[in-house]
Structure formats: structure tokens, C-alpha cells
N, C-alpha and C. Protein backbone atom coordinates (compact mmCIF):
# COMPACT_ATOMS: atom_id res chain seq x y z
N MET A 1 61.66 15.23 -15.47
CA MET A 1 61.51 16.55 -15.26
C MET A 1 61.20 17.16 -16.42
N ALA A 2 61.69 15.94 -17.90
CA ALA A 2 60.62 16.68 -19.14
C ALA A 2 59.22 16.19 -19.16
N ALA A 3 58.97 15.30 -18.35
CA ALA A 3 57.64 14.81 -18.43
C ALA A 3 56.56 15.69 -17.35
N LYS A 4 56.97 16.39 -16.57
CA LYS A 4 56.40 17.21 -15.60
C LYS A 4 56.18 18.58 -16.60
N GLU A 5 57.01 19.03 -17.34
CA GLU A 5 57.00 20.27 -18.52
C GLU A 5 56.16 19.60 -19.34
N ASP A 6 56.17 18.63 -19.79
CA ASP A 6 54.90 18.26 -20.72
C ASP A 6 53.55 18.10 -20.27
N ARG A 7 53.75 17.99 -19.18
CA ARG A 7 52.15 18.05 -18.41
C ARG A 7 51.47 19.72 -18.08
N GLU A 8 52.73 20.08 -17.98
CA GLU A 8 52.48 21.48 -17.56
C GLU A 8 52.02 22.62 -18.76
N ARG A 9 52.93 21.93 -20.07
CA ARG A 9 52.32 22.55 -21.18
C ARG A 9 51.03 21.97 -21.93
N GLY A 10 50.70 20.94 -21.38
CA GLY A 10 49.33 20.50 -21.81
C GLY A 10 49.35 19.49 -22.97
N ARG A 11 50.87 18.76 -22.99
CA ARG A 11 51.08 17.74 -23.97
C ARG A 11 50.60 16.60 -23.19
N GLU A 12 50.20 15.47 -24.11
CA GLU A 12 49.71 14.19 -23.32
C GLU A 12 51.11 13.25 -23.31
N THR A 13 50.93 12.70 -21.98
CA THR A 13 52.08 11.69 -21.92
C THR A 13 51.54 10.38 -21.81
N THR A 14 52.07 9.26 -22.40
CA THR A 14 51.71 7.92 -22.26
C THR A 14 52.18 7.13 -21.09
N THR A 15 51.04 6.61 -20.44
CA THR A 15 51.04 5.93 -19.36
C THR A 15 51.74 4.63 -19.17
N PRO A 16 52.49 4.04 -18.54
CA PRO A 16 52.90 2.59 -18.32
C PRO A 16 51.44 1.89 -18.69
N ARG A 17 52.17 0.82 -19.38
CA ARG A 17 51.15 -0.48 -19.26
C ARG A 17 50.77 -1.26 -18.14
N LEU A 18 49.81 -1.29 -17.70
CA LEU A 18 49.50 -2.33 -16.54
C LEU A 18 49.52 -3.71 -16.78
N PRO A 19 50.36 -4.61 -16.09
CA PRO A 19 50.25 -5.94 -16.62
C PRO A 19 49.02 -6.69 -16.44
N ASP A 20 48.83 -7.58 -17.63
CA ASP A 20 47.75 -8.26 -17.80
C ASP A 20 47.54 -8.99 -16.67
N ILE A 21 46.51 -8.83 -15.87
CA ILE A 21 46.20 -10.21 -14.70
C ILE A 21 45.02 -10.92 -15.41
N GLU A 22 44.99 -12.00 -15.26
CA GLU A 22 44.21 -13.48 -15.61
C GLU A 22 43.00 -13.43 -14.23
N PRO A 23 41.69 -13.69 -14.77
CA PRO A 23 40.99 -13.86 -13.44
C PRO A 23 41.21 -14.88 -13.02
N GLN A 24 41.06 -15.11 -11.41
CA GLN A 24 41.11 -16.59 -10.79
C GLN A 24 40.17 -17.37 -10.72
N VAL A 25 40.73 -18.12 -11.23
CA VAL A 25 39.76 -19.52 -11.33
C VAL A 25 40.32 -20.52 -10.28
N PHE A 26 39.15 -21.40 -9.61
CA PHE A 26 39.43 -22.30 -8.62
C PHE A 26 39.84 -23.38 -9.36
N PRO A 27 41.06 -23.80 -9.19
CA PRO A 27 41.64 -24.78 -10.13
C PRO A 27 41.13 -26.06 -9.59
N SER A 28 40.83 -26.60 -8.18
CA SER A 28 40.27 -27.45 -7.88
C SER A 28 38.78 -27.52 -8.09
N GLY A 29 37.77 -26.75 -8.85
CA GLY A 29 36.59 -26.84 -9.06
C GLY A 29 35.47 -26.85 -7.74
N ASP A 30 36.50 -26.25 -6.71
CA ASP A 30 35.47 -25.75 -5.47
C ASP A 30 34.68 -24.80 -5.53
N TYR A 31 33.41 -24.77 -5.83
CA TYR A 31 32.61 -23.73 -5.69
C TYR A 31 31.72 -23.71 -4.66
N THR A 32 31.92 -23.64 -3.50
CA THR A 32 31.52 -23.75 -2.06
C THR A 32 30.85 -22.23 -1.68
N TYR A 33 32.05 -21.32 -1.78
CA TYR A 33 31.94 -19.97 -1.74
C TYR A 33 30.84 -19.30 -2.60
N ILE A 34 30.44 -19.86 -4.00
CA ILE A 34 30.10 -19.17 -4.81
C ILE A 34 28.45 -20.03 -4.70
N LEU A 35 28.31 -21.10 -4.07
CA LEU A 35 27.30 -21.97 -3.92
C LEU A 35 26.60 -21.29 -2.49
N GLU A 36 27.37 -20.95 -1.50
CA GLU A 36 27.36 -20.03 -0.40
C GLU A 36 26.01 -18.91 -0.60
N ILE A 37 26.89 -18.16 -1.57
CA ILE A 37 26.20 -16.92 -1.73
C ILE A 37 24.86 -16.79 -2.86
N VAL A 38 24.90 -17.69 -3.42
CA VAL A 38 23.54 -18.10 -4.13
C VAL A 38 22.60 -18.76 -3.15
N MET A 39 22.95 -19.32 -2.39
CA MET A 39 21.93 -20.14 -1.16
C MET A 39 21.49 -18.86 -0.35
N GLY A 40 22.00 -18.04 -0.26
CA GLY A 40 21.96 -16.67 0.66
C GLY A 40 21.06 -15.84 0.13
N MET A 41 20.99 -15.60 -1.57
CA MET A 41 20.32 -14.96 -1.99
C MET A 41 19.10 -15.61 -2.39
N GLN A 42 18.77 -16.99 -2.37
CA GLN A 42 17.89 -17.71 -2.55
C GLN A 42 16.80 -17.42 -1.15
N GLY A 43 17.46 -17.46 -0.13
CA GLY A 43 16.97 -17.07 1.21
C GLY A 43 16.41 -15.46 1.14
N THR A 44 17.12 -14.95 0.92
CA THR A 44 16.79 -13.33 0.81
C THR A 44 15.53 -13.40 -0.05
N MET A 45 15.53 -13.73 -1.30
CA MET A 45 14.65 -13.70 -2.17
C MET A 45 13.23 -14.47 -1.77
N GLY A 46 13.48 -15.57 -0.81
CA GLY A 46 12.27 -15.97 -0.35
C GLY A 46 11.55 -15.21 0.72
N LYS A 47 12.21 -14.68 1.49
CA LYS A 47 11.87 -13.62 2.47
C LYS A 47 11.13 -12.71 2.10
N LEU A 48 11.81 -11.84 0.67
CA LEU A 48 11.15 -11.01 -0.16
C LEU A 48 9.84 -11.44 -0.57
N ILE A 49 9.68 -12.39 -1.27
CA ILE A 49 8.28 -12.89 -1.73
C ILE A 49 7.28 -13.32 -0.59
N GLU A 50 7.90 -13.48 0.59
CA GLU A 50 6.60 -13.60 1.58
C GLU A 50 6.26 -12.29 2.26
N ALA A 51 7.19 -11.44 1.95
CA ALA A 51 7.18 -10.12 2.50
C ALA A 51 5.89 -9.45 1.63
N VAL A 52 6.08 -9.66 -0.01
CA VAL A 52 5.18 -9.28 -0.73
C VAL A 52 3.54 -9.75 -0.55
N GLU A 53 4.05 -10.83 -0.23
CA GLU A 53 2.45 -11.69 -0.32
C GLU A 53 1.92 -11.27 0.90
N SER A 54 2.61 -11.37 2.17
CA SER A 54 1.93 -10.55 3.26
C SER A 54 1.34 -9.00 3.24
N LEU A 55 2.02 -8.06 2.02
CA LEU A 55 1.37 -6.93 1.90
C LEU A 55 -0.09 -6.91 1.17
N LYS A 56 0.13 -8.13 0.35
CA LYS A 56 -0.88 -8.24 -0.70
C LYS A 56 -2.21 -8.77 0.20
N ARG A 57 -2.00 -9.75 1.36
CA ARG A 57 -2.97 -10.22 2.22
C ARG A 57 -3.57 -8.95 3.07
N GLN A 58 -2.46 -7.88 3.38
CA GLN A 58 -2.97 -7.09 4.34
C GLN A 58 -4.00 -5.97 3.61
N SER A 59 -3.58 -5.83 2.23
CA SER A 59 -4.19 -4.76 1.48
C SER A 59 -5.44 -5.54 1.21
N GLU A 60 -5.63 -6.60 0.56
CA GLU A 60 -7.05 -7.23 0.39
C GLU A 60 -8.10 -7.05 1.86
N ARG A 61 -7.36 -7.39 3.14
CA ARG A 61 -8.04 -7.10 4.12
C ARG A 61 -8.90 -5.66 4.53
N GLN A 62 -7.60 -4.44 4.26
CA GLN A 62 -8.21 -3.41 4.17
C GLN A 62 -9.04 -2.94 3.21
N GLY A 63 -9.35 -3.37 2.16
CA GLY A 63 -10.58 -3.48 1.07
C GLY A 63 -11.48 -3.84 1.53
N ASP A 64 -11.42 -4.98 2.51
CA ASP A 64 -12.63 -5.91 3.31
C ASP A 64 -13.29 -5.10 3.68
N LYS A 65 -12.43 -4.27 5.13
CA LYS A 65 -12.69 -3.41 5.84
C LYS A 65 -13.51 -2.22 5.52
N LEU A 66 -13.12 -1.36 4.36
CA LEU A 66 -13.63 -0.39 3.68
C LEU A 66 -15.04 -0.92 2.93
N ASP A 67 -15.17 -2.05 2.68
CA ASP A 67 -16.42 -2.14 2.04
C ASP A 67 -17.33 -2.70 3.31
N SER A 68 -16.85 -2.87 4.31
CA SER A 68 -17.99 -3.28 5.64
C SER A 68 -18.32 -2.12 5.98
N ILE A 69 -17.29 -1.38 6.34
CA ILE A 69 -17.88 0.25 6.71
C ILE A 69 -18.68 0.99 5.69
N GLY A 70 -18.54 0.51 4.72
CA GLY A 70 -19.69 0.89 3.57
C GLY A 70 -20.77 0.58 3.83
N ARG A 71 -21.03 -0.98 3.93
CA ARG A 71 -22.39 -1.34 4.21
C ARG A 71 -22.87 -0.88 5.47
N ASP A 72 -21.92 -0.42 6.68
CA ASP A 72 -22.60 0.00 7.83
C ASP A 72 -23.03 1.40 7.98
N VAL A 73 -22.48 2.04 6.74
CA VAL A 73 -22.79 3.59 6.39
C VAL A 73 -24.36 3.34 5.98
N HIS A 74 -24.33 2.57 4.64
CA HIS A 74 -25.93 2.47 4.27
C HIS A 74 -26.71 1.72 4.97
N ALA A 75 -26.60 1.02 6.15
CA ALA A 75 -27.44 0.37 6.93
C ALA A 75 -27.70 1.67 7.91
N ALA A 76 -26.81 2.74 8.12
CA ALA A 76 -27.37 3.73 9.26
C ALA A 76 -28.56 4.51 8.62
N LYS A 77 -27.96 4.64 7.05
CA LYS A 77 -28.70 5.65 6.25
C LYS A 77 -30.19 5.01 6.09
N VAL A 78 -30.59 3.86 5.75
CA VAL A 78 -31.96 3.16 5.70
C VAL A 78 -32.51 3.37 7.15
N VAL A 79 -31.91 3.21 8.33
CA VAL A 79 -32.47 3.09 9.38
C VAL A 79 -33.11 4.67 9.94
N ILE A 80 -32.07 5.44 9.72
CA ILE A 80 -32.51 7.25 9.79
C ILE A 80 -33.68 7.32 8.97
N SER A 81 -33.78 6.87 7.73
CA SER A 81 -34.69 7.21 7.03
C SER A 81 -36.06 6.75 7.36
N VAL A 82 -36.05 5.21 7.73
CA VAL A 82 -37.09 4.78 8.34
C VAL A 82 -37.68 5.10 9.63
N VAL A 83 -37.06 5.60 10.66
CA VAL A 83 -37.11 6.29 11.86
C VAL A 83 -37.94 7.52 11.37
N GLY A 84 -37.26 8.19 10.76
CA GLY A 84 -37.71 9.55 10.04
C GLY A 84 -39.06 9.66 9.60
N ALA A 85 -39.16 8.82 8.81
CA ALA A 85 -40.57 8.47 7.94
C ALA A 85 -41.74 7.95 9.46
N LEU A 86 -41.33 7.14 10.28
CA LEU A 86 -42.23 6.96 11.54
C LEU A 86 -42.79 8.07 12.03
N ILE A 87 -41.49 9.10 12.15
CA ILE A 87 -42.02 10.30 12.94
C ILE A 87 -42.82 11.14 12.36
N VAL A 88 -42.54 11.35 10.90
CA VAL A 88 -43.67 12.17 10.30
C VAL A 88 -44.98 11.78 10.27
N LEU A 89 -44.92 10.18 9.95
CA LEU A 89 -46.45 9.54 10.22
C LEU A 89 -47.11 9.70 11.56
N ALA A 90 -46.27 9.76 12.61
CA ALA A 90 -46.95 9.88 13.84
C ALA A 90 -47.20 11.28 13.87
N GLY A 91 -46.52 12.07 13.63
CA GLY A 91 -46.88 13.65 13.68
C GLY A 91 -48.22 13.96 12.80
N ALA A 92 -48.21 13.37 11.61
CA ALA A 92 -49.72 13.31 10.89
C ALA A 92 -50.54 13.05 11.54
N LEU A 93 -50.58 11.70 12.09
CA LEU A 93 -51.75 11.02 12.57
C LEU A 93 -51.82 11.86 14.29
N ALA A 94 -51.21 12.43 14.92
CA ALA A 94 -51.50 13.57 16.15
C ALA A 94 -52.13 14.60 15.59
N GLY A 95 -51.66 15.13 14.14
CA GLY A 95 -52.11 16.42 13.90
C GLY A 95 -53.62 15.91 13.32
N TRP A 96 -53.96 15.32 12.69
CA TRP A 96 -55.24 14.49 12.29
C TRP A 96 -56.23 14.41 13.53
N MET A 97 -55.75 13.90 14.41
CA MET A 97 -56.56 13.63 15.62
C MET A 97 -56.79 14.74 16.54
N ILE A 98 -55.75 15.66 16.27
CA ILE A 98 -56.39 16.92 17.27
C ILE A 98 -57.35 17.66 16.18
N THR A 99 -56.88 17.71 15.08
CA THR A 99 -58.20 18.73 14.29
C THR A 99 -59.37 18.04 14.44
N THR A 100 -59.60 16.79 14.38
CA THR A 100 -60.75 15.92 14.40
C THR A 100 -61.47 16.50 15.64
N TYR A 101 -60.72 16.27 16.64
CA TYR A 101 -61.51 16.57 18.14
C TYR A 101 -61.63 17.98 18.29
N ILE A 102 -60.81 19.26 17.46
CA ILE A 102 -61.24 20.10 17.71
C ILE A 102 -62.82 20.41 16.68
N SER A 103 -62.62 20.27 15.63
CA SER A 103 -63.78 20.10 14.84
C SER A 103 -65.17 19.31 15.47
N MET A 104 -64.98 18.48 16.42
CA MET A 104 -66.35 17.47 16.70
C MET A 104 -66.32 18.62 18.14
N HIS A 105 -65.70 19.38 18.58
CA HIS A 105 -66.14 19.95 19.62
C HIS A 105 -66.05 21.54 19.34
N PRO A 106 -66.86 21.93 18.80
CA PRO A 106 -66.44 23.55 18.45
C PRO A 106 -66.61 24.26 19.86
N GLY A 107 -66.27 25.21 20.23
CA GLY A 107 -65.97 26.34 21.23
C GLY A 107 -66.90 25.65 22.25
N LYS A 108 -66.88 25.05 23.50
CA LYS A 108 -67.52 24.94 24.56
C LYS A 108 -67.56 26.06 25.58
């Protein structure tokens, strides 16, 4: 009852000391459980490393695809420029031929 009254008044009370527990040691030296855990972690790390390598390869392929698209766009620009130039030259030649014909045959 006194401890309850002390807590209500805000006084500190001491808690009983817990018994010291020593860590459990494998007396026989059998570490198979620990070895299983470590081997499981090693397998998981192997999978993680493989996943990262796979992501790296995919990233490189994406970069190659973007480079390929960039080359295709550049090639398309060149083709359009050449075709445009040929159309302009054909128009200029047709205009020259028409003006020459008209100048050679004045109003019949």
C-alpha cells in the first residue's frame, strides 16, 4: 500500500533487480544452425547481386536503344533534307524551262 501511495505522490520506488542470465553457449560446439543461417544469407546475397547485374544489363540495353533511335531520327532528317532539295531543284528546272519556252515563243 505504501508503494502505491509513493507512486501517486510522484516518488520513485526501486524495482527489484532481475536475475543475471548468461548467454546460451552451445556446449557441444555444434554451430549447424548458425551455419544454416549464414549459408541462407549467402544465397540471398547471390540472388541480390544477380538482380543488380541484370538491372545493369537492362539499363545498358535501354541506352543502346535510345542511341539507335537517335541515329534513326538523324537519318530521317538527312533523307527529308535531300528529298526537299531535289524537289526545289526540280521546281527551279521546271520554272527555267517554262520561262525559256515562253521567251522563245512570244505571243502566237
